[in-house]
Amino acid sequence: MTRGAELSKVAREGKRFRTEHLEIRVAASLLNHPRVGLIVPKLKHTIVERNRLKRRLREIVRTRLLADLPAIDMVVRARAEAYDASFGTLAAELALGAAKLPALIGR
């Protein structure tokens, strides 16, 4: 997901799950495949730091999450603490969020 309206809809209507570094929101989707959007706010960090965090999150979603997700819309928002987190920590928190998906979306 890349459009602001799509991200806003999931943020507004979706169920929320928080970890130390991430906030994950999920909503049911009418499509037959999952969609994931990333929000990495500036939070007084440089563009290099923001891009590094975005690349890490995209890679985790692509390699470890996307194949196993049901047909949902998911928005992952990085919290300020995420800038200092390791790749492994972010991957573990996203995996935890994915494990909680059935309870969040009621499936």
PDB file of N, CA and C in Angstrom:
ATOM      1  N   MET A   1       0.846  -1.177   0.000  1.00  0.00           N
ATOM      2  CA  MET A   1       0.000   0.000   0.000  1.00  0.00           C
ATOM      3  C   MET A   1       0.887   1.234   0.000  1.00  0.00           C
ATOM      4  N   THR A   2       0.544   2.150  -0.846  1.00  0.00           N
ATOM      5  CA  THR A   2       1.345   3.366  -0.916  1.00  0.00           C
ATOM      6  C   THR A   2       0.508   4.631  -0.835  1.00  0.00           C
ATOM      7  N   ARG A   3      -0.754   4.536  -1.060  1.00  0.00           N
ATOM      8  CA  ARG A   3      -1.601   5.728  -1.052  1.00  0.00           C
ATOM      9  C   ARG A   3      -1.978   6.123   0.362  1.00  0.00           C
ATOM     10  N   GLY A   4      -1.952   7.417   0.595  1.00  0.00           N
ATOM     11  CA  GLY A   4      -2.284   7.942   1.914  1.00  0.00           C
ATOM     12  C   GLY A   4      -3.680   7.578   2.364  1.00  0.00           C
ATOM     13  N   ALA A   5      -4.639   7.567   1.449  1.00  0.00           N
ATOM     14  CA  ALA A   5      -6.020   7.235   1.802  1.00  0.00           C
ATOM     15  C   ALA A   5      -6.136   5.784   2.268  1.00  0.00           C
ATOM     16  N   GLU A   6      -5.408   4.879   1.618  1.00  0.00           N
ATOM     17  CA  GLU A   6      -5.437   3.472   2.019  1.00  0.00           C
ATOM     18  C   GLU A   6      -4.803   3.291   3.395  1.00  0.00           C
ATOM     19  N   LEU A   7      -3.674   3.942   3.612  1.00  0.00           N
ATOM     20  CA  LEU A   7      -3.005   3.857   4.909  1.00  0.00           C
ATOM     21  C   LEU A   7      -3.887   4.448   6.004  1.00  0.00           C
ATOM     22  N   SER A   8      -4.521   5.571   5.726  1.00  0.00           N
ATOM     23  CA  SER A   8      -5.387   6.225   6.713  1.00  0.00           C
ATOM     24  C   SER A   8      -6.584   5.361   7.062  1.00  0.00           C
ATOM     25  N   LYS A   9      -7.140   4.691   6.069  1.00  0.00           N
ATOM     26  CA  LYS A   9      -8.301   3.833   6.315  1.00  0.00           C
ATOM     27  C   LYS A   9      -7.942   2.694   7.266  1.00  0.00           C
ATOM     28  N   VAL A  10      -6.830   2.043   7.017  1.00  0.00           N
ATOM     29  CA  VAL A  10      -6.401   0.949   7.894  1.00  0.00           C
ATOM     30  C   VAL A  10      -6.056   1.487   9.278  1.00  0.00           C
ATOM     31  N   ALA A  11      -5.393   2.634   9.340  1.00  0.00           N
ATOM     32  CA  ALA A  11      -5.043   3.233  10.633  1.00  0.00           C
ATOM     33  C   ALA A  11      -6.293   3.614  11.415  1.00  0.00           C
ATOM     34  N   ARG A  12      -7.322   4.035  10.723  1.00  0.00           N
ATOM     35  CA  ARG A  12      -8.551   4.472  11.376  1.00  0.00           C
ATOM     36  C   ARG A  12      -9.437   3.287  11.781  1.00  0.00           C
ATOM     37  N   GLU A  13      -9.569   2.297  10.900  1.00  0.00           N
ATOM     38  CA  GLU A  13     -10.517   1.212  11.116  1.00  0.00           C
ATOM     39  C   GLU A  13      -9.880  -0.079  11.624  1.00  0.00           C
ATOM     40  N   GLY A  14      -8.570  -0.195  11.521  1.00  0.00           N
ATOM     41  CA  GLY A  14      -7.912  -1.449  11.856  1.00  0.00           C
ATOM     42  C   GLY A  14      -7.722  -1.664  13.346  1.00  0.00           C
ATOM     43  N   LYS A  15      -7.484  -2.912  13.690  1.00  0.00           N
ATOM     44  CA  LYS A  15      -7.160  -3.288  15.067  1.00  0.00           C
ATOM     45  C   LYS A  15      -5.677  -3.041  15.292  1.00  0.00           C
ATOM     46  N   ARG A  16      -5.332  -2.612  16.507  1.00  0.00           N
ATOM     47  CA  ARG A  16      -3.954  -2.208  16.787  1.00  0.00           C
ATOM     48  C   ARG A  16      -3.255  -3.207  17.699  1.00  0.00           C
ATOM     49  N   PHE A  17      -1.976  -3.406  17.414  1.00  0.00           N
ATOM     50  CA  PHE A  17      -1.092  -4.207  18.248  1.00  0.00           C
ATOM     51  C   PHE A  17       0.213  -3.440  18.372  1.00  0.00           C
ATOM     52  N   ARG A  18       0.685  -3.234  19.580  1.00  0.00           N
ATOM     53  CA  ARG A  18       1.925  -2.479  19.806  1.00  0.00           C
ATOM     54  C   ARG A  18       3.014  -3.366  20.379  1.00  0.00           C
ATOM     55  N   THR A  19       4.217  -3.095  19.916  1.00  0.00           N
ATOM     56  CA  THR A  19       5.403  -3.693  20.513  1.00  0.00           C
ATOM     57  C   THR A  19       6.289  -2.541  20.973  1.00  0.00           C
ATOM     58  N   GLU A  20       7.459  -2.862  21.453  1.00  0.00           N
ATOM     59  CA  GLU A  20       8.360  -1.819  21.940  1.00  0.00           C
ATOM     60  C   GLU A  20       8.790  -0.870  20.820  1.00  0.00           C
ATOM     61  N   HIS A  21       8.959  -1.401  19.613  1.00  0.00           N
ATOM     62  CA  HIS A  21       9.486  -0.600  18.511  1.00  0.00           C
ATOM     63  C   HIS A  21       8.491  -0.311  17.394  1.00  0.00           C
ATOM     64  N   LEU A  22       7.379  -1.046  17.347  1.00  0.00           N
ATOM     65  CA  LEU A  22       6.457  -0.940  16.220  1.00  0.00           C
ATOM     66  C   LEU A  22       5.010  -0.841  16.683  1.00  0.00           C
ATOM     67  N   GLU A  23       4.199  -0.243  15.844  1.00  0.00           N
ATOM     68  CA  GLU A  23       2.749  -0.261  16.016  1.00  0.00           C
ATOM     69  C   GLU A  23       2.187  -0.884  14.744  1.00  0.00           C
ATOM     70  N   ILE A  24       1.421  -1.953  14.909  1.00  0.00           N
ATOM     71  CA  ILE A  24       0.890  -2.692  13.774  1.00  0.00           C
ATOM     72  C   ILE A  24      -0.626  -2.581  13.793  1.00  0.00           C
ATOM     73  N   ARG A  25      -1.200  -2.208  12.661  1.00  0.00           N
ATOM     74  CA  ARG A  25      -2.656  -2.147  12.520  1.00  0.00           C
ATOM     75  C   ARG A  25      -3.056  -3.048  11.363  1.00  0.00           C
ATOM     76  N   VAL A  26      -4.137  -3.809  11.577  1.00  0.00           N
ATOM     77  CA  VAL A  26      -4.619  -4.720  10.541  1.00  0.00           C
ATOM     78  C   VAL A  26      -6.109  -4.525  10.334  1.00  0.00           C
ATOM     79  N   ALA A  27      -6.527  -4.703   9.103  1.00  0.00           N
ATOM     80  CA  ALA A  27      -7.942  -4.627   8.744  1.00  0.00           C
ATOM     81  C   ALA A  27      -8.212  -5.674   7.674  1.00  0.00           C
ATOM     82  N   ALA A  28      -9.440  -6.148   7.639  1.00  0.00           N
ATOM     83  CA  ALA A  28      -9.829  -7.116   6.617  1.00  0.00           C
ATOM     84  C   ALA A  28      -9.718  -6.474   5.240  1.00  0.00           C
ATOM     85  N   SER A  29      -9.449  -7.295   4.260  1.00  0.00           N
ATOM     86  CA  SER A  29      -9.282  -6.804   2.892  1.00  0.00           C
ATOM     87  C   SER A  29     -10.205  -7.572   1.961  1.00  0.00           C
ATOM     88  N   LEU A  30     -10.697  -6.913   0.938  1.00  0.00           N
ATOM     89  CA  LEU A  30     -11.531  -7.565  -0.065  1.00  0.00           C
ATOM     90  C   LEU A  30     -10.700  -8.223  -1.158  1.00  0.00           C
ATOM     91  N   LEU A  31      -9.423  -7.962  -1.163  1.00  0.00           N
ATOM     92  CA  LEU A  31      -8.533  -8.541  -2.168  1.00  0.00           C
ATOM     93  C   LEU A  31      -8.148  -9.963  -1.776  1.00  0.00           C
ATOM     94  N   ASN A  32      -7.586 -10.702  -2.711  1.00  0.00           N
ATOM     95  CA  ASN A  32      -7.185 -12.086  -2.462  1.00  0.00           C
ATOM     96  C   ASN A  32      -5.743 -12.218  -2.008  1.00  0.00           C
ATOM     97  N   HIS A  33      -5.089 -11.108  -1.733  1.00  0.00           N
ATOM     98  CA  HIS A  33      -3.693 -11.148  -1.318  1.00  0.00           C
ATOM     99  C   HIS A  33      -3.461 -10.088  -0.231  1.00  0.00           C
ATOM    100  N   PRO A  34      -2.433 -10.296   0.588  1.00  0.00           N
ATOM    101  CA  PRO A  34      -2.152  -9.306   1.639  1.00  0.00           C
ATOM    102  C   PRO A  34      -1.479  -8.066   1.065  1.00  0.00           C
ATOM    103  N   ARG A  35      -1.715  -6.941   1.733  1.00  0.00           N
ATOM    104  CA  ARG A  35      -1.024  -5.695   1.388  1.00  0.00           C
ATOM    105  C   ARG A  35      -0.438  -5.138   2.679  1.00  0.00           C
ATOM    106  N   VAL A  36       0.784  -4.659   2.590  1.00  0.00           N
ATOM    107  CA  VAL A  36       1.470  -4.107   3.759  1.00  0.00           C
ATOM    108  C   VAL A  36       1.960  -2.709   3.412  1.00  0.00           C
ATOM    109  N   GLY A  37       1.675  -1.762   4.300  1.00  0.00           N
ATOM    110  CA  GLY A  37       2.173  -0.404   4.157  1.00  0.00           C
ATOM    111  C   GLY A  37       3.081  -0.066   5.323  1.00  0.00           C
ATOM    112  N   LEU A  38       4.085   0.740   5.070  1.00  0.00           N
ATOM    113  CA  LEU A  38       5.036   1.133   6.112  1.00  0.00           C
ATOM    114  C   LEU A  38       4.964   2.630   6.333  1.00  0.00           C
ATOM    115  N   ILE A  39       4.992   3.019   7.598  1.00  0.00           N
ATOM    116  CA  ILE A  39       5.062   4.429   7.963  1.00  0.00           C
ATOM    117  C   ILE A  39       6.290   4.599   8.843  1.00  0.00           C
ATOM    118  N   VAL A  40       7.222   5.413   8.385  1.00  0.00           N
ATOM    119  CA  VAL A  40       8.440   5.696   9.145  1.00  0.00           C
ATOM    120  C   VAL A  40       8.508   7.211   9.316  1.00  0.00           C
ATOM    121  N   PRO A  41       8.040   7.713  10.467  1.00  0.00           N
ATOM    122  CA  PRO A  41       8.035   9.165  10.674  1.00  0.00           C
ATOM    123  C   PRO A  41       9.441   9.732  10.870  1.00  0.00           C
ATOM    124  N   LYS A  42       9.560  11.025  10.629  1.00  0.00           N
ATOM    125  CA  LYS A  42      10.866  11.685  10.720  1.00  0.00           C
ATOM    126  C   LYS A  42      11.443  11.631  12.129  1.00  0.00           C
ATOM    127  N   LEU A  43      10.692  12.066  13.101  1.00  0.00           N
ATOM    128  CA  LEU A  43      11.117  12.019  14.503  1.00  0.00           C
ATOM    129  C   LEU A  43      12.536  12.546  14.718  1.00  0.00           C
ATOM    130  N   LYS A  44      12.885  13.610  13.997  1.00  0.00           N
ATOM    131  CA  LYS A  44      14.187  14.278  14.124  1.00  0.00           C
ATOM    132  C   LYS A  44      15.371  13.392  13.737  1.00  0.00           C
ATOM    133  N   HIS A  45      15.139  12.461  12.819  1.00  0.00           N
ATOM    134  CA  HIS A  45      16.221  11.621  12.309  1.00  0.00           C
ATOM    135  C   HIS A  45      16.536  12.037  10.877  1.00  0.00           C
ATOM    136  N   THR A  46      17.729  11.705  10.440  1.00  0.00           N
ATOM    137  CA  THR A  46      18.144  12.071   9.086  1.00  0.00           C
ATOM    138  C   THR A  46      17.474  11.164   8.059  1.00  0.00           C
ATOM    139  N   ILE A  47      17.500  11.584   6.815  1.00  0.00           N
ATOM    140  CA  ILE A  47      16.922  10.789   5.735  1.00  0.00           C
ATOM    141  C   ILE A  47      17.649   9.454   5.595  1.00  0.00           C
ATOM    142  N   VAL A  48      18.930   9.431   5.865  1.00  0.00           N
ATOM    143  CA  VAL A  48      19.698   8.190   5.792  1.00  0.00           C
ATOM    144  C   VAL A  48      19.183   7.193   6.824  1.00  0.00           C
ATOM    145  N   GLU A  49      18.946   7.658   8.041  1.00  0.00           N
ATOM    146  CA  GLU A  49      18.435   6.778   9.100  1.00  0.00           C
ATOM    147  C   GLU A  49      17.030   6.284   8.777  1.00  0.00           C
ATOM    148  N   ARG A  50      16.188   7.170   8.253  1.00  0.00           N
ATOM    149  CA  ARG A  50      14.820   6.769   7.898  1.00  0.00           C
ATOM    150  C   ARG A  50      14.826   5.741   6.773  1.00  0.00           C
ATOM    151  N   ASN A  51      15.645   5.975   5.764  1.00  0.00           N
ATOM    152  CA  ASN A  51      15.716   5.027   4.651  1.00  0.00           C
ATOM    153  C   ASN A  51      16.255   3.674   5.094  1.00  0.00           C
ATOM    154  N   ARG A  52      17.230   3.667   5.988  1.00  0.00           N
ATOM    155  CA  ARG A  52      17.767   2.408   6.507  1.00  0.00           C
ATOM    156  C   ARG A  52      16.674   1.622   7.220  1.00  0.00           C
ATOM    157  N   LEU A  53      15.894   2.305   8.048  1.00  0.00           N
ATOM    158  CA  LEU A  53      14.809   1.646   8.770  1.00  0.00           C
ATOM    159  C   LEU A  53      13.741   1.140   7.799  1.00  0.00           C
ATOM    160  N   LYS A  54      13.393   1.932   6.796  1.00  0.00           N
ATOM    161  CA  LYS A  54      12.411   1.494   5.795  1.00  0.00           C
ATOM    162  C   LYS A  54      12.904   0.256   5.047  1.00  0.00           C
ATOM    163  N   ARG A  55      14.176   0.255   4.665  1.00  0.00           N
ATOM    164  CA  ARG A  55      14.732  -0.901   3.950  1.00  0.00           C
ATOM    165  C   ARG A  55      14.699  -2.149   4.821  1.00  0.00           C
ATOM    166  N   ARG A  56      15.030  -2.010   6.086  1.00  0.00           N
ATOM    167  CA  ARG A  56      14.989  -3.152   6.998  1.00  0.00           C
ATOM    168  C   ARG A  56      13.574  -3.710   7.113  1.00  0.00           C
ATOM    169  N   LEU A  57      12.612  -2.830   7.350  1.00  0.00           N
ATOM    170  CA  LEU A  57      11.228  -3.281   7.504  1.00  0.00           C
ATOM    171  C   LEU A  57      10.703  -3.916   6.218  1.00  0.00           C
ATOM    172  N   ARG A  58      10.996  -3.321   5.073  1.00  0.00           N
ATOM    173  CA  ARG A  58      10.555  -3.895   3.793  1.00  0.00           C
ATOM    174  C   ARG A  58      11.144  -5.283   3.577  1.00  0.00           C
ATOM    175  N   GLU A  59      12.411  -5.446   3.909  1.00  0.00           N
ATOM    176  CA  GLU A  59      13.062  -6.740   3.713  1.00  0.00           C
ATOM    177  C   GLU A  59      12.475  -7.799   4.638  1.00  0.00           C
ATOM    178  N   ILE A  60      12.194  -7.444   5.872  1.00  0.00           N
ATOM    179  CA  ILE A  60      11.578  -8.390   6.807  1.00  0.00           C
ATOM    180  C   ILE A  60      10.208  -8.807   6.300  1.00  0.00           C
ATOM    181  N   VAL A  61       9.413  -7.850   5.876  1.00  0.00           N
ATOM    182  CA  VAL A  61       8.075  -8.161   5.363  1.00  0.00           C
ATOM    183  C   VAL A  61       8.188  -9.044   4.127  1.00  0.00           C
ATOM    184  N   ARG A  62       9.073  -8.702   3.220  1.00  0.00           N
ATOM    185  CA  ARG A  62       9.200  -9.445   1.961  1.00  0.00           C
ATOM    186  C   ARG A  62       9.668 -10.879   2.177  1.00  0.00           C
ATOM    187  N   THR A  63      10.678 -11.074   3.014  1.00  0.00           N
ATOM    188  CA  THR A  63      11.285 -12.401   3.144  1.00  0.00           C
ATOM    189  C   THR A  63      10.647 -13.279   4.202  1.00  0.00           C
ATOM    190  N   ARG A  64      10.075 -12.698   5.230  1.00  0.00           N
ATOM    191  CA  ARG A  64       9.621 -13.516   6.349  1.00  0.00           C
ATOM    192  C   ARG A  64       8.125 -13.480   6.607  1.00  0.00           C
ATOM    193  N   LEU A  65       7.426 -12.509   6.072  1.00  0.00           N
ATOM    194  CA  LEU A  65       6.031 -12.324   6.449  1.00  0.00           C
ATOM    195  C   LEU A  65       5.045 -12.516   5.313  1.00  0.00           C
ATOM    196  N   LEU A  66       5.324 -11.963   4.173  1.00  0.00           N
ATOM    197  CA  LEU A  66       4.337 -11.832   3.105  1.00  0.00           C
ATOM    198  C   LEU A  66       3.739 -13.165   2.660  1.00  0.00           C
ATOM    199  N   ALA A  67       4.536 -14.196   2.549  1.00  0.00           N
ATOM    200  CA  ALA A  67       4.040 -15.484   2.062  1.00  0.00           C
ATOM    201  C   ALA A  67       3.039 -16.120   3.021  1.00  0.00           C
ATOM    202  N   ASP A  68       3.148 -15.836   4.303  1.00  0.00           N
ATOM    203  CA  ASP A  68       2.298 -16.478   5.304  1.00  0.00           C
ATOM    204  C   ASP A  68       1.096 -15.648   5.723  1.00  0.00           C
ATOM    205  N   LEU A  69       0.984 -14.422   5.242  1.00  0.00           N
ATOM    206  CA  LEU A  69      -0.114 -13.556   5.660  1.00  0.00           C
ATOM    207  C   LEU A  69      -1.405 -13.917   4.942  1.00  0.00           C
ATOM    208  N   PRO A  70      -2.541 -13.849   5.651  1.00  0.00           N
ATOM    209  CA  PRO A  70      -3.832 -14.008   4.966  1.00  0.00           C
ATOM    210  C   PRO A  70      -4.148 -12.745   4.163  1.00  0.00           C
ATOM    211  N   ALA A  71      -5.287 -12.723   3.530  1.00  0.00           N
ATOM    212  CA  ALA A  71      -5.698 -11.559   2.724  1.00  0.00           C
ATOM    213  C   ALA A  71      -6.149 -10.431   3.647  1.00  0.00           C
ATOM    214  N   ILE A  72      -5.200  -9.612   4.062  1.00  0.00           N
ATOM    215  CA  ILE A  72      -5.475  -8.496   4.967  1.00  0.00           C
ATOM    216  C   ILE A  72      -4.734  -7.261   4.479  1.00  0.00           C
ATOM    217  N   ASP A  73      -5.111  -6.135   5.050  1.00  0.00           N
ATOM    218  CA  ASP A  73      -4.343  -4.906   4.894  1.00  0.00           C
ATOM    219  C   ASP A  73      -3.635  -4.663   6.218  1.00  0.00           C
ATOM    220  N   MET A  74      -2.350  -4.403   6.165  1.00  0.00           N
ATOM    221  CA  MET A  74      -1.542  -4.243   7.372  1.00  0.00           C
ATOM    222  C   MET A  74      -0.696  -2.984   7.238  1.00  0.00           C
ATOM    223  N   VAL A  75      -0.695  -2.170   8.280  1.00  0.00           N
ATOM    224  CA  VAL A  75       0.138  -0.975   8.314  1.00  0.00           C
ATOM    225  C   VAL A  75       1.096  -1.112   9.488  1.00  0.00           C
ATOM    226  N   VAL A  76       2.376  -0.983   9.209  1.00  0.00           N
ATOM    227  CA  VAL A  76       3.416  -1.056  10.234  1.00  0.00           C
ATOM    228  C   VAL A  76       3.977   0.346  10.402  1.00  0.00           C
ATOM    229  N   ARG A  77       3.844   0.887  11.604  1.00  0.00           N
ATOM    230  CA  ARG A  77       4.357   2.227  11.898  1.00  0.00           C
ATOM    231  C   ARG A  77       5.529   2.091  12.858  1.00  0.00           C
ATOM    232  N   ALA A  78       6.661   2.637  12.472  1.00  0.00           N
ATOM    233  CA  ALA A  78       7.849   2.594  13.321  1.00  0.00           C
ATOM    234  C   ALA A  78       7.715   3.636  14.425  1.00  0.00           C
ATOM    235  N   ARG A  79       8.016   3.228  15.637  1.00  0.00           N
ATOM    236  CA  ARG A  79       8.041   4.161  16.754  1.00  0.00           C
ATOM    237  C   ARG A  79       9.462   4.708  16.881  1.00  0.00           C
ATOM    238  N   ALA A  80       9.644   5.704  17.708  1.00  0.00           N
ATOM    239  CA  ALA A  80      10.953   6.358  17.842  1.00  0.00           C
ATOM    240  C   ALA A  80      12.048   5.363  18.230  1.00  0.00           C
ATOM    241  N   GLU A  81      11.707   4.370  19.031  1.00  0.00           N
ATOM    242  CA  GLU A  81      12.687   3.386  19.495  1.00  0.00           C
ATOM    243  C   GLU A  81      13.172   2.466  18.377  1.00  0.00           C
ATOM    244  N   ALA A  82      12.425   2.393  17.281  1.00  0.00           N
ATOM    245  CA  ALA A  82      12.777   1.481  16.188  1.00  0.00           C
ATOM    246  C   ALA A  82      14.078   1.877  15.502  1.00  0.00           C
ATOM    247  N   TYR A  83      14.423   3.152  15.551  1.00  0.00           N
ATOM    248  CA  TYR A  83      15.652   3.599  14.893  1.00  0.00           C
ATOM    249  C   TYR A  83      16.895   2.957  15.506  1.00  0.00           C
ATOM    250  N   ASP A  84      16.833   2.596  16.775  1.00  0.00           N
ATOM    251  CA  ASP A  84      17.984   2.001  17.451  1.00  0.00           C
ATOM    252  C   ASP A  84      17.913   0.480  17.526  1.00  0.00           C
ATOM    253  N   ALA A  85      16.839  -0.116  17.013  1.00  0.00           N
ATOM    254  CA  ALA A  85      16.647  -1.563  17.124  1.00  0.00           C
ATOM    255  C   ALA A  85      17.454  -2.299  16.058  1.00  0.00           C
ATOM    256  N   SER A  86      17.850  -3.515  16.395  1.00  0.00           N
ATOM    257  CA  SER A  86      18.578  -4.345  15.433  1.00  0.00           C
ATOM    258  C   SER A  86      17.598  -4.999  14.458  1.00  0.00           C
ATOM    259  N   PHE A  87      18.142  -5.518  13.378  1.00  0.00           N
ATOM    260  CA  PHE A  87      17.330  -6.210  12.378  1.00  0.00           C
ATOM    261  C   PHE A  87      16.604  -7.393  13.015  1.00  0.00           C
ATOM    262  N   GLY A  88      17.306  -8.151  13.841  1.00  0.00           N
ATOM    263  CA  GLY A  88      16.708  -9.312  14.501  1.00  0.00           C
ATOM    264  C   GLY A  88      15.565  -8.944  15.424  1.00  0.00           C
ATOM    265  N   THR A  89      15.713  -7.848  16.147  1.00  0.00           N
ATOM    266  CA  THR A  89      14.656  -7.392  17.048  1.00  0.00           C
ATOM    267  C   THR A  89      13.416  -6.988  16.261  1.00  0.00           C
ATOM    268  N   LEU A  90      13.608  -6.243  15.187  1.00  0.00           N
ATOM    269  CA  LEU A  90      12.474  -5.839  14.359  1.00  0.00           C
ATOM    270  C   LEU A  90      11.791  -7.056  13.743  1.00  0.00           C
ATOM    271  N   ALA A  91      12.586  -8.027  13.287  1.00  0.00           N
ATOM    272  CA  ALA A  91      12.022  -9.243  12.698  1.00  0.00           C
ATOM    273  C   ALA A  91      11.211 -10.017  13.730  1.00  0.00           C
ATOM    274  N   ALA A  92      11.727 -10.119  14.952  1.00  0.00           N
ATOM    275  CA  ALA A  92      11.011 -10.836  16.004  1.00  0.00           C
ATOM    276  C   ALA A  92       9.697 -10.147  16.348  1.00  0.00           C
ATOM    277  N   GLU A  93       9.701  -8.825  16.391  1.00  0.00           N
ATOM    278  CA  GLU A  93       8.478  -8.100  16.722  1.00  0.00           C
ATOM    279  C   GLU A  93       7.442  -8.203  15.602  1.00  0.00           C
ATOM    280  N   LEU A  94       7.878  -8.181  14.358  1.00  0.00           N
ATOM    281  CA  LEU A  94       6.935  -8.367  13.255  1.00  0.00           C
ATOM    282  C   LEU A  94       6.384  -9.795  13.242  1.00  0.00           C
ATOM    283  N   ALA A  95       7.220 -10.770  13.569  1.00  0.00           N
ATOM    284  CA  ALA A  95       6.744 -12.153  13.648  1.00  0.00           C
ATOM    285  C   ALA A  95       5.724 -12.305  14.768  1.00  0.00           C
ATOM    286  N   LEU A  96       5.960 -11.639  15.887  1.00  0.00           N
ATOM    287  CA  LEU A  96       5.004 -11.665  16.996  1.00  0.00           C
ATOM    288  C   LEU A  96       3.679 -11.042  16.570  1.00  0.00           C
ATOM    289  N   GLY A  97       3.757  -9.931  15.859  1.00  0.00           N
ATOM    290  CA  GLY A  97       2.543  -9.294  15.357  1.00  0.00           C
ATOM    291  C   GLY A  97       1.792 -10.192  14.389  1.00  0.00           C
ATOM    292  N   ALA A  98       2.519 -10.889  13.521  1.00  0.00           N
ATOM    293  CA  ALA A  98       1.888 -11.802  12.567  1.00  0.00           C
ATOM    294  C   ALA A  98       1.237 -12.981  13.286  1.00  0.00           C
ATOM    295  N   ALA A  99       1.844 -13.437  14.374  1.00  0.00           N
ATOM    296  CA  ALA A  99       1.267 -14.539  15.141  1.00  0.00           C
ATOM    297  C   ALA A  99      -0.041 -14.132  15.812  1.00  0.00           C
ATOM    298  N   LYS A 100      -0.185 -12.860  16.130  1.00  0.00           N
ATOM    299  CA  LYS A 100      -1.394 -12.371  16.793  1.00  0.00           C
ATOM    300  C   LYS A 100      -2.496 -11.978  15.810  1.00  0.00           C
ATOM    301  N   LEU A 101      -2.232 -12.056  14.518  1.00  0.00           N
ATOM    302  CA  LEU A 101      -3.213 -11.637  13.516  1.00  0.00           C
ATOM    303  C   LEU A 101      -4.563 -12.336  13.626  1.00  0.00           C
ATOM    304  N   PRO A 102      -4.614 -13.662  13.782  1.00  0.00           N
ATOM    305  CA  PRO A 102      -5.935 -14.297  13.856  1.00  0.00           C
ATOM    306  C   PRO A 102      -6.811 -13.739  14.983  1.00  0.00           C
ATOM    307  N   ALA A 103      -6.210 -13.443  16.115  1.00  0.00           N
ATOM    308  CA  ALA A 103      -6.980 -12.872  17.225  1.00  0.00           C
ATOM    309  C   ALA A 103      -7.421 -11.446  16.916  1.00  0.00           C
ATOM    310  N   LEU A 104      -6.600 -10.702  16.200  1.00  0.00           N
ATOM    311  CA  LEU A 104      -6.924  -9.312  15.892  1.00  0.00           C
ATOM    312  C   LEU A 104      -8.037  -9.179  14.859  1.00  0.00           C
ATOM    313  N   ILE A 105      -8.010 -10.024  13.843  1.00  0.00           N
ATOM    314  CA  ILE A 105      -9.004  -9.879  12.779  1.00  0.00           C
ATOM    315  C   ILE A 105     -10.171 -10.844  12.930  1.00  0.00           C
ATOM    316  N   GLY A 106     -10.144 -11.662  13.959  1.00  0.00           N
ATOM    317  CA  GLY A 106     -11.268 -12.544  14.246  1.00  0.00           C
ATOM    318  C   GLY A 106     -11.414 -13.707  13.292  1.00  0.00           C
ATOM    319  N   ARG A 107     -10.302 -14.241  12.813  1.00  0.00           N
ATOM    320  CA  ARG A 107     -10.355 -15.405  11.911  1.00  0.00           C
ATOM    321  C   ARG A 107      -9.738 -16.596  12.565  1.00  0.00           C
TER     322      ARG A 107
END
